[in-house]
C-alpha atoms as a PDB file:
ATOM      1  CA  MET A   1     -49.739  89.068 -70.320  1.00  0.00           C
ATOM      2  CA  SER A   2     -51.709  86.823 -67.961  1.00  0.00           C
ATOM      3  CA  ILE A   3     -50.009  84.604 -65.428  1.00  0.00           C
ATOM      4  CA  PHE A   4     -51.455  81.565 -67.201  1.00  0.00           C
ATOM      5  CA  THR A   5     -49.878  82.710 -70.484  1.00  0.00           C
ATOM      6  CA  GLN A   6     -46.523  83.219 -68.767  1.00  0.00           C
ATOM      7  CA  VAL A   7     -46.695  79.743 -67.200  1.00  0.00           C
ATOM      8  CA  GLN A   8     -47.813  78.249 -70.509  1.00  0.00           C
ATOM      9  CA  ASP A   9     -44.907  79.948 -72.328  1.00  0.00           C
ATOM     10  CA  ILE A  10     -42.351  78.547 -69.902  1.00  0.00           C
ATOM     11  CA  ILE A  11     -43.742  75.024 -70.031  1.00  0.00           C
ATOM     12  CA  THR A  12     -43.946  75.040 -73.847  1.00  0.00           C
ATOM     13  CA  GLU A  13     -40.372  76.288 -74.054  1.00  0.00           C
ATOM     14  CA  VAL A  14     -39.032  73.619 -71.687  1.00  0.00           C
ATOM     15  CA  LEU A  15     -41.034  70.737 -73.176  1.00  0.00           C
ATOM     16  CA  GLU A  16     -40.953  71.965 -76.774  1.00  0.00           C
ATOM     17  CA  ILE A  17     -44.686  71.432 -77.215  1.00  0.00           C
ATOM     18  CA  GLU A  18     -47.482  73.580 -78.631  1.00  0.00           C
ATOM     19  CA  PRO A  19     -49.234  76.034 -76.286  1.00  0.00           C
ATOM     20  CA  GLU A  20     -52.605  74.497 -77.158  1.00  0.00           C
ATOM     21  CA  GLU A  21     -51.512  71.317 -75.389  1.00  0.00           C
ATOM     22  CA  ILE A  22     -51.551  73.166 -72.054  1.00  0.00           C
ATOM     23  CA  THR A  23     -54.737  74.219 -70.282  1.00  0.00           C
ATOM     24  CA  MET A  24     -55.393  75.332 -66.731  1.00  0.00           C
ATOM     25  CA  GLU A  25     -56.673  71.806 -65.992  1.00  0.00           C
ATOM     26  CA  SER A  26     -53.645  70.009 -67.470  1.00  0.00           C
ATOM     27  CA  TYR A  27     -51.921  67.756 -64.980  1.00  0.00           C
ATOM     28  CA  VAL A  28     -48.249  68.726 -65.065  1.00  0.00           C
ATOM     29  CA  MET A  29     -46.930  65.169 -64.649  1.00  0.00           C
ATOM     30  CA  ARG A  30     -49.870  63.085 -65.909  1.00  0.00           C
ATOM     31  CA  ASP A  31     -50.893  64.952 -69.063  1.00  0.00           C
ATOM     32  CA  LEU A  32     -47.671  66.677 -70.079  1.00  0.00           C
ATOM     33  CA  PRO A  33     -44.345  64.977 -70.803  1.00  0.00           C
ATOM     34  CA  THR A  34     -42.807  66.578 -67.706  1.00  0.00           C
ATOM     35  CA  GLU A  35     -39.931  64.791 -66.015  1.00  0.00           C
ATOM     36  CA  SER A  36     -38.496  65.633 -62.602  1.00  0.00           C
ATOM     37  CA  ILE A  37     -35.603  67.598 -64.116  1.00  0.00           C
ATOM     38  CA  ASP A  38     -38.103  69.781 -65.998  1.00  0.00           C
ATOM     39  CA  LEU A  39     -39.525  71.036 -62.706  1.00  0.00           C
ATOM     40  CA  MET A  40     -36.207  72.700 -61.951  1.00  0.00           C
ATOM     41  CA  GLU A  41     -36.294  74.481 -65.307  1.00  0.00           C
ATOM     42  CA  TYR A  42     -39.898  75.518 -64.722  1.00  0.00           C
ATOM     43  CA  GLY A  43     -38.964  76.992 -61.353  1.00  0.00           C
ATOM     44  CA  VAL A  44     -36.126  79.040 -62.827  1.00  0.00           C
ATOM     45  CA  GLY A  45     -38.395  80.229 -65.627  1.00  0.00           C
ATOM     46  CA  PHE A  46     -41.266  81.159 -63.309  1.00  0.00           C
ATOM     47  CA  ALA A  47     -38.932  83.107 -61.025  1.00  0.00           C
ATOM     48  CA  SER A  48     -37.382  84.959 -63.938  1.00  0.00           C
ATOM     49  CA  LYS A  49     -40.495  85.642 -66.006  1.00  0.00           C
ATOM     50  CA  CYS A  50     -42.984  86.193 -63.182  1.00  0.00           C
ATOM     51  CA  GLY A  51     -40.639  87.927 -60.750  1.00  0.00           C
ATOM     52  CA  VAL A  52     -41.486  85.821 -57.699  1.00  0.00           C
ATOM     53  CA  SER A  53     -39.519  83.584 -55.365  1.00  0.00           C
ATOM     54  CA  ILE A  54     -40.158  79.942 -56.132  1.00  0.00           C
ATOM     55  CA  HIS A  55     -40.178  77.398 -53.330  1.00  0.00           C
ATOM     56  CA  ASP A  56     -40.007  74.127 -55.264  1.00  0.00           C
ATOM     57  CA  ASP A  57     -41.442  72.033 -52.470  1.00  0.00           C
ATOM     58  CA  ILE A  58     -44.522  74.255 -52.219  1.00  0.00           C
ATOM     59  CA  ILE A  59     -45.199  75.111 -55.874  1.00  0.00           C
ATOM     60  CA  PHE A  60     -44.680  71.531 -57.095  1.00  0.00           C
ATOM     61  CA  LEU A  61     -46.322  69.857 -54.066  1.00  0.00           C
ATOM     62  CA  GLN A  62     -43.242  67.690 -53.597  1.00  0.00           C
ATOM     63  CA  SER A  63     -44.034  66.771 -49.980  1.00  0.00           C
ATOM     64  CA  LEU A  64     -47.817  66.594 -50.298  1.00  0.00           C
ATOM     65  CA  ARG A  65     -48.060  62.907 -49.412  1.00  0.00           C
ATOM     66  CA  MET A  66     -45.759  63.399 -46.436  1.00  0.00           C
ATOM     67  CA  HIS A  67     -47.952  66.259 -45.152  1.00  0.00           C
ATOM     68  CA  ILE A  68     -51.083  64.129 -45.580  1.00  0.00           C
ATOM     69  CA  ALA A  69     -49.483  61.320 -43.576  1.00  0.00           C
ATOM     70  CA  GLU A  70     -48.347  63.812 -40.936  1.00  0.00           C
ATOM     71  CA  ALA A  71     -51.901  65.117 -40.504  1.00  0.00           C
ATOM     72  CA  GLU A  72     -53.245  61.575 -40.194  1.00  0.00           C
ATOM     73  CA  GLU A  73     -50.562  60.585 -37.655  1.00  0.00           C
ATOM     74  CA  LYS A  74     -51.284  63.632 -35.507  1.00  0.00           C
ATOM     75  CA  GLY A  75     -55.065  63.308 -35.815  1.00  0.00           C
ATOM     76  CA  LEU A  76     -55.347  66.678 -37.559  1.00  0.00           C
ATOM     77  CA  ASP A  77     -57.938  67.705 -40.099  1.00  0.00           C
ATOM     78  CA  THR A  78     -56.060  66.985 -43.333  1.00  0.00           C
ATOM     79  CA  ILE A  79     -57.511  69.844 -45.379  1.00  0.00           C
ATOM     80  CA  GLU A  80     -56.943  72.381 -42.610  1.00  0.00           C
ATOM     81  CA  HIS A  81     -53.368  71.148 -42.179  1.00  0.00           C
ATOM     82  CA  LEU A  82     -52.692  71.371 -45.914  1.00  0.00           C
ATOM     83  CA  CYS A  83     -54.225  74.865 -46.135  1.00  0.00           C
ATOM     84  CA  GLY A  84     -51.577  76.048 -43.687  1.00  0.00           C
ATOM     85  CA  ILE A  85     -48.795  74.612 -45.818  1.00  0.00           C
ATOM     86  CA  TYR A  86     -50.218  75.518 -49.235  1.00  0.00           C
ATOM     87  CA  PRO A  87     -51.969  78.876 -48.677  1.00  0.00           C
ATOM     88  CA  HIS A  88     -52.309  79.414 -52.430  1.00  0.00           C
ATOM     89  CA  LEU A  89     -54.689  76.451 -52.717  1.00  0.00           C
ATOM     90  CA  SER A  90     -58.321  76.564 -51.665  1.00  0.00           C
ATOM     91  CA  SER A  91     -59.798  73.924 -49.412  1.00  0.00           C
ATOM     92  CA  GLU A  92     -61.983  72.868 -52.355  1.00  0.00           C
ATOM     93  CA  ARG A  93     -58.915  72.345 -54.555  1.00  0.00           C
ATOM     94  CA  LEU A  94     -57.124  70.427 -51.812  1.00  0.00           C
ATOM     95  CA  SER A  95     -60.186  68.220 -51.400  1.00  0.00           C
ATOM     96  CA  GLU A  96     -60.144  67.515 -55.149  1.00  0.00           C
ATOM     97  CA  MET A  97     -56.491  66.552 -54.858  1.00  0.00           C
ATOM     98  CA  LEU A  98     -57.187  64.126 -52.027  1.00  0.00           C
ATOM     99  CA  ASP A  99     -59.983  62.563 -54.079  1.00  0.00           C
ATOM    100  CA  THR A 100     -57.675  61.910 -57.052  1.00  0.00           C
ATOM    101  CA  ILE A 101     -54.302  61.333 -55.386  1.00  0.00           C
ATOM    102  CA  GLU A 102     -54.408  57.591 -56.035  1.00  0.00           C
ATOM    103  CA  ASP A 103     -54.530  58.331 -59.790  1.00  0.00           C
ATOM    104  CA  GLY A 104     -51.035  59.837 -59.705  1.00  0.00           C
ATOM    105  CA  PRO A 105     -49.453  63.275 -59.283  1.00  0.00           C
ATOM    106  CA  VAL A 106     -52.177  65.867 -58.644  1.00  0.00           C
ATOM    107  CA  LEU A 107     -50.403  69.103 -59.624  1.00  0.00           C
ATOM    108  CA  GLN A 108     -52.277  71.003 -62.311  1.00  0.00           C
ATOM    109  CA  VAL A 109     -51.263  74.120 -64.221  1.00  0.00           C
ATOM    110  CA  ARG A 110     -53.956  76.054 -62.323  1.00  0.00           C
ATOM    111  CA  ASP A 111     -52.111  75.247 -59.075  1.00  0.00           C
ATOM    112  CA  ILE A 112     -48.934  76.842 -60.412  1.00  0.00           C
ATOM    113  CA  VAL A 113     -50.908  79.885 -61.528  1.00  0.00           C
ATOM    114  CA  ALA A 114     -52.466  80.107 -58.039  1.00  0.00           C
ATOM    115  CA  TYR A 115     -49.008  79.936 -56.439  1.00  0.00           C
ATOM    116  CA  ILE A 116     -47.696  82.775 -58.591  1.00  0.00           C
ATOM    117  CA  GLN A 117     -50.820  84.879 -57.989  1.00  0.00           C
ATOM    118  CA  HIS A 118     -50.434  84.325 -54.251  1.00  0.00           C
ATOM    119  CA  ALA A 119     -46.717  85.163 -54.375  1.00  0.00           C
ATOM    120  CA  ASN A 120     -47.477  88.366 -56.305  1.00  0.00           C
ATOM    121  CA  SER A 121     -50.071  89.385 -53.725  1.00  0.00           C
ATOM    122  CA  MET A 122     -47.426  89.072 -51.013  1.00  0.00           C
ATOM    123  CA  LEU A 123     -45.053  91.546 -52.730  1.00  0.00           C
END
């Protein structure tokens, strides 16, 4: 079973929606009816089903805006700074996030999949 399918299964179970409603490009908070409390359930499910440690702040990008502000305050390259904090995300993906951050939460299903893939590679 692919990591995407595992992630999709957990999200569909928590939200009680059809799997077809979830794609790799789905925004977790913008496109899906995810509420903050659901993130906790996702984390438990991902840890259990995928066998990896889940760091909520990293996988769900909870402090992303704070890290962006920190880079700006310190005069750091924002993408480089974020790459150090979110090693599972490519600089291209982080750049996309910065371009769309004003539209709302930027976390996509593909970012969760990338986190789990990265965590598995560290085992």
